[in-house]
Protein backbone atom coordinates (compact mmCIF):
# COMPACT_ATOMS: atom_id res chain seq x y z
CA UNK A 1 -0.43 -0.03 -0.02
CA UNK A 2 2.97 2.24 0.55
CA UNK A 3 3.63 2.06 -3.32
CA UNK A 4 -0.22 3.09 -3.94
CA UNK A 5 0.10 5.79 -1.49
CA UNK A 6 3.49 7.23 -3.17
CA UNK A 7 1.86 6.54 -7.17
CA UNK A 8 -0.66 8.94 -6.65
CA UNK A 9 1.96 11.40 -8.17
CA UNK A 10 1.55 14.15 -6.01
CA UNK A 11 3.71 12.70 -2.32
CA UNK A 12 6.86 14.49 -1.97
CA UNK A 13 7.70 12.12 0.62
CA UNK A 14 6.76 8.60 1.43
CA UNK A 15 8.96 6.20 3.67
CA UNK A 16 7.87 2.83 4.83
CA UNK A 17 9.27 2.05 8.69
CA UNK A 18 8.57 -2.00 8.90
CA UNK A 19 9.88 -2.11 12.56
CA UNK A 20 6.92 0.85 13.51
CA UNK A 21 4.51 -0.48 11.25
CA UNK A 22 4.21 3.14 9.42
CA UNK A 23 4.28 5.01 6.31
CA UNK A 24 5.19 8.42 6.61
CA UNK A 25 4.90 10.90 3.51
CA UNK A 26 4.24 14.54 3.06
CA UNK A 27 2.82 16.26 0.47
CA UNK A 28 3.00 20.03 -0.93
CA UNK A 29 -0.57 21.73 -2.06
CA UNK A 30 -0.60 22.85 -5.60
CA UNK A 31 -1.34 26.34 -5.25
CA UNK A 32 0.48 28.01 -1.98
CA UNK A 33 3.31 24.97 -1.70
CA UNK A 34 1.87 24.43 2.20
CA UNK A 35 3.11 20.91 3.50
CA UNK A 36 0.92 18.28 4.82
CA UNK A 37 1.70 15.39 6.28
CA UNK A 38 0.36 12.03 6.17
CA UNK A 39 1.16 8.80 8.46
CA UNK A 40 -0.46 5.90 8.34
CA UNK A 41 -0.15 3.14 11.00
CA UNK A 42 -0.93 -0.64 11.17
CA UNK A 43 -1.83 -2.24 14.41
CA UNK A 44 -2.79 -5.81 15.08
CA UNK A 45 -6.26 -6.67 15.83
CA UNK A 46 -7.82 -9.77 17.23
CA UNK A 47 -9.03 -10.46 13.58
CA UNK A 48 -6.07 -9.16 11.49
CA UNK A 49 -5.00 -5.77 11.47
CA UNK A 50 -6.45 -2.10 12.21
CA UNK A 51 -5.08 0.73 10.24
CA UNK A 52 -4.83 4.52 11.31
CA UNK A 53 -4.66 7.36 9.17
CA UNK A 54 -3.54 11.06 9.87
CA UNK A 55 -3.08 13.52 7.27
CA UNK A 56 -2.54 17.15 8.74
CA UNK A 57 -1.45 20.37 7.32
CA UNK A 58 1.64 21.82 8.89
CA UNK A 59 0.38 25.68 8.36
CA UNK A 60 -2.99 27.57 8.92
CA UNK A 61 -6.09 26.85 10.35
CA UNK A 62 -8.21 25.42 7.74
CA UNK A 63 -7.22 22.71 5.16
CA UNK A 64 -10.77 23.21 2.98
CA UNK A 65 -11.29 19.44 3.41
CA UNK A 66 -7.97 18.17 1.55
CA UNK A 67 -6.87 16.01 4.37
CA UNK A 68 -10.34 14.72 4.85
CA UNK A 69 -10.38 13.88 1.48
CA UNK A 70 -7.42 12.59 1.10
CA UNK A 71 -8.17 10.00 3.62
CA UNK A 72 -11.00 9.16 2.58
CA UNK A 73 -9.43 8.73 -1.10
CA UNK A 74 -6.51 6.81 0.48
CA UNK A 75 -8.84 4.11 2.77
CA UNK A 76 -11.12 3.77 -0.53
CA UNK A 77 -8.21 2.38 -2.41
CA UNK A 78 -7.11 -0.32 0.16
CA UNK A 79 -10.46 -1.83 0.55
CA UNK A 80 -9.97 -2.24 -3.23
CA UNK A 81 -6.94 -3.49 -2.94
CA UNK A 82 -7.98 -5.99 -0.57
CA UNK A 83 -10.65 -7.30 -2.85
CA UNK A 84 -10.03 -10.82 -4.61
CA UNK A 85 -8.83 -10.60 -7.86
CA UNK A 86 -11.86 -10.88 -11.16
């Protein structure tokens, strides 16, 4: 999934950390160049794994919904990747 996150094309930096089960990335906004930080954590759960996703702007008070949309897009891609092949 790290490759899918990085494969979106706009991430400036994307590193996986297998020992901590984290993917950390950053992305700059197109117009203003503000940096957002993205962290994906995978934790063991009783029936498999639990995934936590955080996306936050480093600057300003409002991101106009960009970070929430990024999380929804990532989780949708993750759910799609879970589906068995056609």
